[in-house]
Amino acid sequence: MAIVKGTDQNFKQEVSEGLVLVDFWAAWCGPCKMIAPVLEELDADMDDKVKIVKVDVDENQQTASEYGIMSIPTLLFMKNGETVDKVVGFRPKEALAELVEKHA
């Protein structure tokens, strides 16, 4: 499954079913650039277990504000529309994979 671009318009629909890892990011954020390839690898490895949705906080301030995003990158793990875990800052792929397994 390809990584989905989340927007204020489609966010609720994109996170409504199954396990979703939401990446709140911005183009000017260094750690966000570091985590992008990690998420690509995670998507390739765990394709059937988790859907990845990337939300640009500059373009989608309503969603970022609704979820209280203060620092980026912030990763939310959501299951059927409810937040089950939150990670702020860069994490290696192994750490993210463990969280996917925990909530899958």
PDB file of N, CA and C in Angstrom:
ATOM      1  N   MET A   1       0.857  -1.177   0.000  1.00  0.00           N
ATOM      2  CA  MET A   1       0.000   0.000   0.000  1.00  0.00           C
ATOM      3  C   MET A   1       0.901   1.237   0.000  1.00  0.00           C
ATOM      4  N   ALA A   2       0.562   2.186  -0.828  1.00  0.00           N
ATOM      5  CA  ALA A   2       1.362   3.411  -0.879  1.00  0.00           C
ATOM      6  C   ALA A   2       1.043   4.286   0.326  1.00  0.00           C
ATOM      7  N   ILE A   3       1.966   5.145   0.661  1.00  0.00           N
ATOM      8  CA  ILE A   3       1.745   6.108   1.735  1.00  0.00           C
ATOM      9  C   ILE A   3       0.724   7.137   1.245  1.00  0.00           C
ATOM     10  N   VAL A   4      -0.245   7.437   2.091  1.00  0.00           N
ATOM     11  CA  VAL A   4      -1.349   8.315   1.724  1.00  0.00           C
ATOM     12  C   VAL A   4      -1.086   9.734   2.218  1.00  0.00           C
ATOM     13  N   LYS A   5      -1.452  10.714   1.404  1.00  0.00           N
ATOM     14  CA  LYS A   5      -1.350  12.116   1.829  1.00  0.00           C
ATOM     15  C   LYS A   5      -2.634  12.486   2.564  1.00  0.00           C
ATOM     16  N   GLY A   6      -2.491  12.806   3.857  1.00  0.00           N
ATOM     17  CA  GLY A   6      -3.651  13.185   4.654  1.00  0.00           C
ATOM     18  C   GLY A   6      -3.896  14.680   4.573  1.00  0.00           C
ATOM     19  N   THR A   7      -5.177  15.071   4.499  1.00  0.00           N
ATOM     20  CA  THR A   7      -5.537  16.490   4.457  1.00  0.00           C
ATOM     21  C   THR A   7      -6.643  16.745   5.477  1.00  0.00           C
ATOM     22  N   ASP A   8      -6.919  18.015   5.728  1.00  0.00           N
ATOM     23  CA  ASP A   8      -8.033  18.348   6.617  1.00  0.00           C
ATOM     24  C   ASP A   8      -9.320  17.714   6.095  1.00  0.00           C
ATOM     25  N   GLN A   9      -9.443  17.604   4.779  1.00  0.00           N
ATOM     26  CA  GLN A   9     -10.666  17.087   4.168  1.00  0.00           C
ATOM     27  C   GLN A   9     -10.805  15.561   4.294  1.00  0.00           C
ATOM     28  N   ASN A  10      -9.705  14.808   4.094  1.00  0.00           N
ATOM     29  CA  ASN A  10      -9.830  13.343   4.044  1.00  0.00           C
ATOM     30  C   ASN A  10      -9.360  12.630   5.311  1.00  0.00           C
ATOM     31  N   PHE A  11      -8.854  13.361   6.299  1.00  0.00           N
ATOM     32  CA  PHE A  11      -8.187  12.740   7.449  1.00  0.00           C
ATOM     33  C   PHE A  11      -9.064  11.723   8.179  1.00  0.00           C
ATOM     34  N   LYS A  12     -10.258  12.133   8.582  1.00  0.00           N
ATOM     35  CA  LYS A  12     -11.131  11.236   9.367  1.00  0.00           C
ATOM     36  C   LYS A  12     -11.408   9.935   8.616  1.00  0.00           C
ATOM     37  N   GLN A  13     -11.634  10.062   7.309  1.00  0.00           N
ATOM     38  CA  GLN A  13     -11.902   8.872   6.489  1.00  0.00           C
ATOM     39  C   GLN A  13     -10.673   7.963   6.416  1.00  0.00           C
ATOM     40  N   GLU A  14      -9.495   8.560   6.243  1.00  0.00           N
ATOM     41  CA  GLU A  14      -8.264   7.769   6.095  1.00  0.00           C
ATOM     42  C   GLU A  14      -7.905   6.999   7.365  1.00  0.00           C
ATOM     43  N   VAL A  15      -8.280   7.508   8.545  1.00  0.00           N
ATOM     44  CA  VAL A  15      -7.885   6.847   9.800  1.00  0.00           C
ATOM     45  C   VAL A  15      -9.031   6.042  10.423  1.00  0.00           C
ATOM     46  N   SER A  16     -10.132   5.918   9.723  1.00  0.00           N
ATOM     47  CA  SER A  16     -11.332   5.321  10.324  1.00  0.00           C
ATOM     48  C   SER A  16     -11.265   3.804  10.496  1.00  0.00           C
ATOM     49  N   GLU A  17     -10.433   3.118   9.688  1.00  0.00           N
ATOM     50  CA  GLU A  17     -10.404   1.654   9.749  1.00  0.00           C
ATOM     51  C   GLU A  17      -9.007   1.117   9.951  1.00  0.00           C
ATOM     52  N   GLY A  18      -8.893   0.109  10.817  1.00  0.00           N
ATOM     53  CA  GLY A  18      -7.627  -0.589  11.001  1.00  0.00           C
ATOM     54  C   GLY A  18      -6.572   0.250  11.709  1.00  0.00           C
ATOM     55  N   LEU A  19      -5.326  -0.232  11.651  1.00  0.00           N
ATOM     56  CA  LEU A  19      -4.206   0.455  12.292  1.00  0.00           C
ATOM     57  C   LEU A  19      -3.590   1.434  11.298  1.00  0.00           C
ATOM     58  N   VAL A  20      -3.483   2.696  11.721  1.00  0.00           N
ATOM     59  CA  VAL A  20      -2.929   3.743  10.863  1.00  0.00           C
ATOM     60  C   VAL A  20      -1.830   4.475  11.630  1.00  0.00           C
ATOM     61  N   LEU A  21      -0.687   4.658  10.978  1.00  0.00           N
ATOM     62  CA  LEU A  21       0.395   5.450  11.548  1.00  0.00           C
ATOM     63  C   LEU A  21       0.318   6.805  10.842  1.00  0.00           C
ATOM     64  N   VAL A  22       0.050   7.855  11.608  1.00  0.00           N
ATOM     65  CA  VAL A  22      -0.050   9.197  11.045  1.00  0.00           C
ATOM     66  C   VAL A  22       1.236   9.956  11.337  1.00  0.00           C
ATOM     67  N   ASP A  23       1.866  10.452  10.285  1.00  0.00           N
ATOM     68  CA  ASP A  23       3.094  11.242  10.412  1.00  0.00           C
ATOM     69  C   ASP A  23       2.747  12.707  10.198  1.00  0.00           C
ATOM     70  N   PHE A  24       2.796  13.493  11.287  1.00  0.00           N
ATOM     71  CA  PHE A  24       2.626  14.942  11.177  1.00  0.00           C
ATOM     72  C   PHE A  24       4.008  15.522  10.920  1.00  0.00           C
ATOM     73  N   TRP A  25       4.180  16.215   9.792  1.00  0.00           N
ATOM     74  CA  TRP A  25       5.495  16.661   9.356  1.00  0.00           C
ATOM     75  C   TRP A  25       5.392  18.019   8.663  1.00  0.00           C
ATOM     76  N   ALA A  26       6.559  18.589   8.309  1.00  0.00           N
ATOM     77  CA  ALA A  26       6.628  19.808   7.500  1.00  0.00           C
ATOM     78  C   ALA A  26       7.898  19.755   6.654  1.00  0.00           C
ATOM     79  N   ALA A  27       7.851  20.420   5.518  1.00  0.00           N
ATOM     80  CA  ALA A  27       8.975  20.397   4.570  1.00  0.00           C
ATOM     81  C   ALA A  27      10.255  20.984   5.161  1.00  0.00           C
ATOM     82  N   TRP A  28      10.145  21.942   6.088  1.00  0.00           N
ATOM     83  CA  TRP A  28      11.320  22.624   6.651  1.00  0.00           C
ATOM     84  C   TRP A  28      11.914  21.899   7.857  1.00  0.00           C
ATOM     85  N   CYS A  29      11.341  20.779   8.254  1.00  0.00           N
ATOM     86  CA  CYS A  29      11.745  20.078   9.485  1.00  0.00           C
ATOM     87  C   CYS A  29      12.795  19.004   9.201  1.00  0.00           C
ATOM     88  N   GLY A  30      13.994  19.189   9.780  1.00  0.00           N
ATOM     89  CA  GLY A  30      15.096  18.240   9.574  1.00  0.00           C
ATOM     90  C   GLY A  30      14.774  16.811   9.992  1.00  0.00           C
ATOM     91  N   PRO A  31      14.338  16.593  11.253  1.00  0.00           N
ATOM     92  CA  PRO A  31      14.009  15.222  11.674  1.00  0.00           C
ATOM     93  C   PRO A  31      12.882  14.595  10.839  1.00  0.00           C
ATOM     94  N   CYS A  32      11.986  15.425  10.300  1.00  0.00           N
ATOM     95  CA  CYS A  32      10.916  14.901   9.437  1.00  0.00           C
ATOM     96  C   CYS A  32      11.520  14.302   8.168  1.00  0.00           C
ATOM     97  N   LYS A  33      12.565  14.984   7.652  1.00  0.00           N
ATOM     98  CA  LYS A  33      13.243  14.479   6.445  1.00  0.00           C
ATOM     99  C   LYS A  33      13.979  13.183   6.757  1.00  0.00           C
ATOM    100  N   MET A  34      14.495  13.071   7.981  1.00  0.00           N
ATOM    101  CA  MET A  34      15.210  11.853   8.377  1.00  0.00           C
ATOM    102  C   MET A  34      14.261  10.665   8.520  1.00  0.00           C
ATOM    103  N   ILE A  35      13.045  10.931   8.985  1.00  0.00           N
ATOM    104  CA  ILE A  35      12.127   9.830   9.253  1.00  0.00           C
ATOM    105  C   ILE A  35      11.374   9.370   7.989  1.00  0.00           C
ATOM    106  N   ALA A  36      11.331  10.226   6.965  1.00  0.00           N
ATOM    107  CA  ALA A  36      10.603   9.883   5.736  1.00  0.00           C
ATOM    108  C   ALA A  36      11.054   8.550   5.117  1.00  0.00           C
ATOM    109  N   PRO A  37      12.370   8.331   4.898  1.00  0.00           N
ATOM    110  CA  PRO A  37      12.778   7.037   4.323  1.00  0.00           C
ATOM    111  C   PRO A  37      12.510   5.857   5.259  1.00  0.00           C
ATOM    112  N   VAL A  38      12.547   6.102   6.571  1.00  0.00           N
ATOM    113  CA  VAL A  38      12.234   5.052   7.548  1.00  0.00           C
ATOM    114  C   VAL A  38      10.777   4.616   7.376  1.00  0.00           C
ATOM    115  N   LEU A  39       9.889   5.586   7.181  1.00  0.00           N
ATOM    116  CA  LEU A  39       8.471   5.266   6.982  1.00  0.00           C
ATOM    117  C   LEU A  39       8.251   4.538   5.658  1.00  0.00           C
ATOM    118  N   GLU A  40       9.017   4.912   4.622  1.00  0.00           N
ATOM    119  CA  GLU A  40       8.932   4.214   3.329  1.00  0.00           C
ATOM    120  C   GLU A  40       9.295   2.737   3.514  1.00  0.00           C
ATOM    121  N   GLU A  41      10.379   2.486   4.258  1.00  0.00           N
ATOM    122  CA  GLU A  41      10.807   1.099   4.514  1.00  0.00           C
ATOM    123  C   GLU A  41       9.764   0.356   5.336  1.00  0.00           C
ATOM    124  N   LEU A  42       9.243   1.015   6.356  1.00  0.00           N
ATOM    125  CA  LEU A  42       8.228   0.401   7.217  1.00  0.00           C
ATOM    126  C   LEU A  42       6.997   0.028   6.387  1.00  0.00           C
ATOM    127  N   ASP A  43       6.609   0.919   5.486  1.00  0.00           N
ATOM    128  CA  ASP A  43       5.472   0.663   4.612  1.00  0.00           C
ATOM    129  C   ASP A  43       5.731  -0.567   3.746  1.00  0.00           C
ATOM    130  N   ALA A  44       6.951  -0.682   3.209  1.00  0.00           N
ATOM    131  CA  ALA A  44       7.305  -1.819   2.366  1.00  0.00           C
ATOM    132  C   ALA A  44       7.308  -3.127   3.174  1.00  0.00           C
ATOM    133  N   ASP A  45       7.821  -3.065   4.418  1.00  0.00           N
ATOM    134  CA  ASP A  45       7.951  -4.266   5.251  1.00  0.00           C
ATOM    135  C   ASP A  45       6.635  -4.702   5.891  1.00  0.00           C
ATOM    136  N   MET A  46       5.788  -3.756   6.285  1.00  0.00           N
ATOM    137  CA  MET A  46       4.615  -4.070   7.102  1.00  0.00           C
ATOM    138  C   MET A  46       3.323  -3.640   6.427  1.00  0.00           C
ATOM    139  N   ASP A  47       3.389  -3.624   5.133  1.00  0.00           N
ATOM    140  CA  ASP A  47       2.314  -3.195   4.266  1.00  0.00           C
ATOM    141  C   ASP A  47       0.914  -3.647   4.697  1.00  0.00           C
ATOM    142  N   ASP A  48       0.799  -4.921   5.073  1.00  0.00           N
ATOM    143  CA  ASP A  48      -0.528  -5.474   5.394  1.00  0.00           C
ATOM    144  C   ASP A  48      -0.976  -5.172   6.827  1.00  0.00           C
ATOM    145  N   LYS A  49      -0.059  -4.696   7.668  1.00  0.00           N
ATOM    146  CA  LYS A  49      -0.400  -4.485   9.087  1.00  0.00           C
ATOM    147  C   LYS A  49      -0.757  -3.051   9.419  1.00  0.00           C
ATOM    148  N   VAL A  50      -0.245  -2.111   8.627  1.00  0.00           N
ATOM    149  CA  VAL A  50      -0.425  -0.698   8.982  1.00  0.00           C
ATOM    150  C   VAL A  50      -0.530   0.150   7.715  1.00  0.00           C
ATOM    151  N   LYS A  51      -1.368   1.156   7.803  1.00  0.00           N
ATOM    152  CA  LYS A  51      -1.500   2.141   6.721  1.00  0.00           C
ATOM    153  C   LYS A  51      -0.791   3.402   7.216  1.00  0.00           C
ATOM    154  N   ILE A  52       0.003   4.027   6.350  1.00  0.00           N
ATOM    155  CA  ILE A  52       0.729   5.228   6.744  1.00  0.00           C
ATOM    156  C   ILE A  52       0.112   6.445   6.046  1.00  0.00           C
ATOM    157  N   VAL A  53      -0.219   7.440   6.857  1.00  0.00           N
ATOM    158  CA  VAL A  53      -0.802   8.674   6.348  1.00  0.00           C
ATOM    159  C   VAL A  53       0.099   9.831   6.779  1.00  0.00           C
ATOM    160  N   LYS A  54       0.558  10.625   5.822  1.00  0.00           N
ATOM    161  CA  LYS A  54       1.421  11.778   6.116  1.00  0.00           C
ATOM    162  C   LYS A  54       0.586  13.052   6.040  1.00  0.00           C
ATOM    163  N   VAL A  55       0.678  13.867   7.100  1.00  0.00           N
ATOM    164  CA  VAL A  55      -0.072  15.122   7.157  1.00  0.00           C
ATOM    165  C   VAL A  55       0.912  16.286   7.278  1.00  0.00           C
ATOM    166  N   ASP A  56       0.946  17.138   6.258  1.00  0.00           N
ATOM    167  CA  ASP A  56       1.785  18.340   6.282  1.00  0.00           C
ATOM    168  C   ASP A  56       1.097  19.356   7.191  1.00  0.00           C
ATOM    169  N   VAL A  57       1.738  19.695   8.317  1.00  0.00           N
ATOM    170  CA  VAL A  57       1.101  20.567   9.308  1.00  0.00           C
ATOM    171  C   VAL A  57       0.906  21.995   8.793  1.00  0.00           C
ATOM    172  N   ASP A  58       1.738  22.424   7.847  1.00  0.00           N
ATOM    173  CA  ASP A  58       1.580  23.774   7.296  1.00  0.00           C
ATOM    174  C   ASP A  58       0.339  23.866   6.406  1.00  0.00           C
ATOM    175  N   GLU A  59       0.054  22.787   5.683  1.00  0.00           N
ATOM    176  CA  GLU A  59      -1.102  22.773   4.770  1.00  0.00           C
ATOM    177  C   GLU A  59      -2.389  22.357   5.473  1.00  0.00           C
ATOM    178  N   ASN A  60      -2.282  21.683   6.595  1.00  0.00           N
ATOM    179  CA  ASN A  60      -3.459  21.104   7.259  1.00  0.00           C
ATOM    180  C   ASN A  60      -3.476  21.463   8.738  1.00  0.00           C
ATOM    181  N   GLN A  61      -3.542  22.748   9.023  1.00  0.00           N
ATOM    182  CA  GLN A  61      -3.438  23.238  10.398  1.00  0.00           C
ATOM    183  C   GLN A  61      -4.634  22.823  11.250  1.00  0.00           C
ATOM    184  N   GLN A  62      -5.784  22.661  10.635  1.00  0.00           N
ATOM    185  CA  GLN A  62      -6.981  22.268  11.388  1.00  0.00           C
ATOM    186  C   GLN A  62      -6.786  20.888  12.026  1.00  0.00           C
ATOM    187  N   THR A  63      -6.321  19.931  11.247  1.00  0.00           N
ATOM    188  CA  THR A  63      -6.100  18.574  11.768  1.00  0.00           C
ATOM    189  C   THR A  63      -4.983  18.575  12.808  1.00  0.00           C
ATOM    190  N   ALA A  64      -3.877  19.273  12.525  1.00  0.00           N
ATOM    191  CA  ALA A  64      -2.753  19.331  13.468  1.00  0.00           C
ATOM    192  C   ALA A  64      -3.215  19.923  14.793  1.00  0.00           C
ATOM    193  N   SER A  65      -4.019  20.963  14.739  1.00  0.00           N
ATOM    194  CA  SER A  65      -4.506  21.611  15.947  1.00  0.00           C
ATOM    195  C   SER A  65      -5.486  20.713  16.703  1.00  0.00           C
ATOM    196  N   GLU A  66      -6.345  20.027  15.963  1.00  0.00           N
ATOM    197  CA  GLU A  66      -7.327  19.128  16.582  1.00  0.00           C
ATOM    198  C   GLU A  66      -6.649  18.021  17.387  1.00  0.00           C
ATOM    199  N   TYR A  67      -5.486  17.566  16.919  1.00  0.00           N
ATOM    200  CA  TYR A  67      -4.774  16.484  17.605  1.00  0.00           C
ATOM    201  C   TYR A  67      -3.653  17.007  18.503  1.00  0.00           C
ATOM    202  N   GLY A  68      -3.608  18.326  18.718  1.00  0.00           N
ATOM    203  CA  GLY A  68      -2.659  18.906  19.675  1.00  0.00           C
ATOM    204  C   GLY A  68      -1.212  18.737  19.288  1.00  0.00           C
ATOM    205  N   ILE A  69      -0.915  18.807  18.002  1.00  0.00           N
ATOM    206  CA  ILE A  69       0.463  18.622  17.540  1.00  0.00           C
ATOM    207  C   ILE A  69       1.271  19.886  17.839  1.00  0.00           C
ATOM    208  N   MET A  70       2.261  19.748  18.726  1.00  0.00           N
ATOM    209  CA  MET A  70       3.093  20.884  19.127  1.00  0.00           C
ATOM    210  C   MET A  70       4.502  20.780  18.538  1.00  0.00           C
ATOM    211  N   SER A  71       5.004  19.562  18.394  1.00  0.00           N
ATOM    212  CA  SER A  71       6.350  19.338  17.860  1.00  0.00           C
ATOM    213  C   SER A  71       6.227  18.380  16.688  1.00  0.00           C
ATOM    214  N   ILE A  72       7.152  18.520  15.745  1.00  0.00           N
ATOM    215  CA  ILE A  72       7.157  17.562  14.647  1.00  0.00           C
ATOM    216  C   ILE A  72       8.569  17.014  14.474  1.00  0.00           C
ATOM    217  N   PRO A  73       8.723  15.790  13.992  1.00  0.00           N
ATOM    218  CA  PRO A  73       7.618  14.912  13.633  1.00  0.00           C
ATOM    219  C   PRO A  73       6.891  14.357  14.863  1.00  0.00           C
ATOM    220  N   THR A  74       5.588  14.271  14.759  1.00  0.00           N
ATOM    221  CA  THR A  74       4.789  13.537  15.734  1.00  0.00           C
ATOM    222  C   THR A  74       4.112  12.407  14.976  1.00  0.00           C
ATOM    223  N   LEU A  75       4.261  11.195  15.511  1.00  0.00           N
ATOM    224  CA  LEU A  75       3.625  10.030  14.913  1.00  0.00           C
ATOM    225  C   LEU A  75       2.500   9.574  15.827  1.00  0.00           C
ATOM    226  N   LEU A  76       1.307   9.498  15.286  1.00  0.00           N
ATOM    227  CA  LEU A  76       0.178   8.960  16.048  1.00  0.00           C
ATOM    228  C   LEU A  76      -0.134   7.583  15.504  1.00  0.00           C
ATOM    229  N   PHE A  77      -0.334   6.645  16.400  1.00  0.00           N
ATOM    230  CA  PHE A  77      -0.825   5.328  16.007  1.00  0.00           C
ATOM    231  C   PHE A  77      -2.312   5.343  16.305  1.00  0.00           C
ATOM    232  N   MET A  78      -3.125   5.146  15.283  1.00  0.00           N
ATOM    233  CA  MET A  78      -4.575   5.192  15.451  1.00  0.00           C
ATOM    234  C   MET A  78      -5.179   3.862  15.033  1.00  0.00           C
ATOM    235  N   LYS A  79      -6.121   3.412  15.832  1.00  0.00           N
ATOM    236  CA  LYS A  79      -6.805   2.166  15.518  1.00  0.00           C
ATOM    237  C   LYS A  79      -8.293   2.473  15.429  1.00  0.00           C
ATOM    238  N   ASN A  80      -8.856   2.223  14.252  1.00  0.00           N
ATOM    239  CA  ASN A  80     -10.275   2.496  13.999  1.00  0.00           C
ATOM    240  C   ASN A  80     -10.674   3.909  14.438  1.00  0.00           C
ATOM    241  N   GLY A  81      -9.812   4.882  14.117  1.00  0.00           N
ATOM    242  CA  GLY A  81     -10.124   6.283  14.377  1.00  0.00           C
ATOM    243  C   GLY A  81      -9.740   6.807  15.752  1.00  0.00           C
ATOM    244  N   GLU A  82      -9.283   5.917  16.655  1.00  0.00           N
ATOM    245  CA  GLU A  82      -8.910   6.345  18.012  1.00  0.00           C
ATOM    246  C   GLU A  82      -7.389   6.298  18.164  1.00  0.00           C
ATOM    247  N   THR A  83      -6.819   7.312  18.818  1.00  0.00           N
ATOM    248  CA  THR A  83      -5.374   7.335  19.049  1.00  0.00           C
ATOM    249  C   THR A  83      -5.015   6.324  20.137  1.00  0.00           C
ATOM    250  N   VAL A  84      -4.093   5.404  19.813  1.00  0.00           N
ATOM    251  CA  VAL A  84      -3.675   4.385  20.785  1.00  0.00           C
ATOM    252  C   VAL A  84      -2.232   4.579  21.244  1.00  0.00           C
ATOM    253  N   ASP A  85      -1.468   5.407  20.524  1.00  0.00           N
ATOM    254  CA  ASP A  85      -0.076   5.646  20.910  1.00  0.00           C
ATOM    255  C   ASP A  85       0.422   6.900  20.212  1.00  0.00           C
ATOM    256  N   LYS A  86       1.476   7.495  20.782  1.00  0.00           N
ATOM    257  CA  LYS A  86       2.019   8.729  20.221  1.00  0.00           C
ATOM    258  C   LYS A  86       3.525   8.736  20.415  1.00  0.00           C
ATOM    259  N   VAL A  87       4.251   9.108  19.370  1.00  0.00           N
ATOM    260  CA  VAL A  87       5.702   9.198  19.416  1.00  0.00           C
ATOM    261  C   VAL A  87       6.086  10.575  18.885  1.00  0.00           C
ATOM    262  N   VAL A  88       6.898  11.310  19.650  1.00  0.00           N
ATOM    263  CA  VAL A  88       7.360  12.622  19.192  1.00  0.00           C
ATOM    264  C   VAL A  88       8.847  12.528  18.906  1.00  0.00           C
ATOM    265  N   GLY A  89       9.250  12.981  17.723  1.00  0.00           N
ATOM    266  CA  GLY A  89      10.660  12.953  17.348  1.00  0.00           C
ATOM    267  C   GLY A  89      11.016  11.719  16.537  1.00  0.00           C
ATOM    268  N   PHE A  90      12.258  11.716  16.075  1.00  0.00           N
ATOM    269  CA  PHE A  90      12.749  10.623  15.231  1.00  0.00           C
ATOM    270  C   PHE A  90      12.852   9.316  16.015  1.00  0.00           C
ATOM    271  N   ARG A  91      12.470   8.222  15.391  1.00  0.00           N
ATOM    272  CA  ARG A  91      12.676   6.884  15.953  1.00  0.00           C
ATOM    273  C   ARG A  91      13.186   5.967  14.838  1.00  0.00           C
ATOM    274  N   PRO A  92      14.062   5.022  15.182  1.00  0.00           N
ATOM    275  CA  PRO A  92      14.517   4.072  14.160  1.00  0.00           C
ATOM    276  C   PRO A  92      13.386   3.131  13.759  1.00  0.00           C
ATOM    277  N   LYS A  93      13.551   2.520  12.602  1.00  0.00           N
ATOM    278  CA  LYS A  93      12.514   1.636  12.050  1.00  0.00           C
ATOM    279  C   LYS A  93      12.136   0.526  13.028  1.00  0.00           C
ATOM    280  N   GLU A  94      13.117  -0.048  13.705  1.00  0.00           N
ATOM    281  CA  GLU A  94      12.843  -1.168  14.621  1.00  0.00           C
ATOM    282  C   GLU A  94      11.860  -0.741  15.720  1.00  0.00           C
ATOM    283  N   ALA A  95      12.058   0.461  16.259  1.00  0.00           N
ATOM    284  CA  ALA A  95      11.191   0.955  17.335  1.00  0.00           C
ATOM    285  C   ALA A  95       9.763   1.147  16.816  1.00  0.00           C
ATOM    286  N   LEU A  96       9.638   1.672  15.601  1.00  0.00           N
ATOM    287  CA  LEU A  96       8.307   1.876  15.027  1.00  0.00           C
ATOM    288  C   LEU A  96       7.644   0.542  14.704  1.00  0.00           C
ATOM    289  N   ALA A  97       8.443  -0.401  14.216  1.00  0.00           N
ATOM    290  CA  ALA A  97       7.919  -1.734  13.889  1.00  0.00           C
ATOM    291  C   ALA A  97       7.385  -2.419  15.153  1.00  0.00           C
ATOM    292  N   GLU A  98       8.086  -2.229  16.275  1.00  0.00           N
ATOM    293  CA  GLU A  98       7.611  -2.806  17.542  1.00  0.00           C
ATOM    294  C   GLU A  98       6.245  -2.236  17.926  1.00  0.00           C
ATOM    295  N   LEU A  99       6.059  -0.922  17.724  1.00  0.00           N
ATOM    296  CA  LEU A  99       4.777  -0.301  18.046  1.00  0.00           C
ATOM    297  C   LEU A  99       3.673  -0.812  17.118  1.00  0.00           C
ATOM    298  N   VAL A 100       4.011  -1.006  15.860  1.00  0.00           N
ATOM    299  CA  VAL A 100       3.022  -1.559  14.901  1.00  0.00           C
ATOM    300  C   VAL A 100       2.591  -2.942  15.393  1.00  0.00           C
ATOM    301  N   GLU A 101       3.580  -3.781  15.738  1.00  0.00           N
ATOM    302  CA  GLU A 101       3.275  -5.138  16.219  1.00  0.00           C
ATOM    303  C   GLU A 101       2.425  -5.093  17.492  1.00  0.00           C
ATOM    304  N   LYS A 102       2.744  -4.172  18.380  1.00  0.00           N
ATOM    305  CA  LYS A 102       2.026  -4.050  19.644  1.00  0.00           C
ATOM    306  C   LYS A 102       0.537  -3.760  19.423  1.00  0.00           C
ATOM    307  N   HIS A 103       0.234  -2.941  18.420  1.00  0.00           N
ATOM    308  CA  HIS A 103      -1.152  -2.519  18.194  1.00  0.00           C
ATOM    309  C   HIS A 103      -1.865  -3.268  17.068  1.00  0.00           C
ATOM    310  N   ALA A 104      -1.119  -4.072  16.317  1.00  0.00           N
ATOM    311  CA  ALA A 104      -1.703  -4.761  15.152  1.00  0.00           C
ATOM    312  C   ALA A 104      -2.783  -5.768  15.574  1.00  0.00           C
TER     313      ALA A 104
END
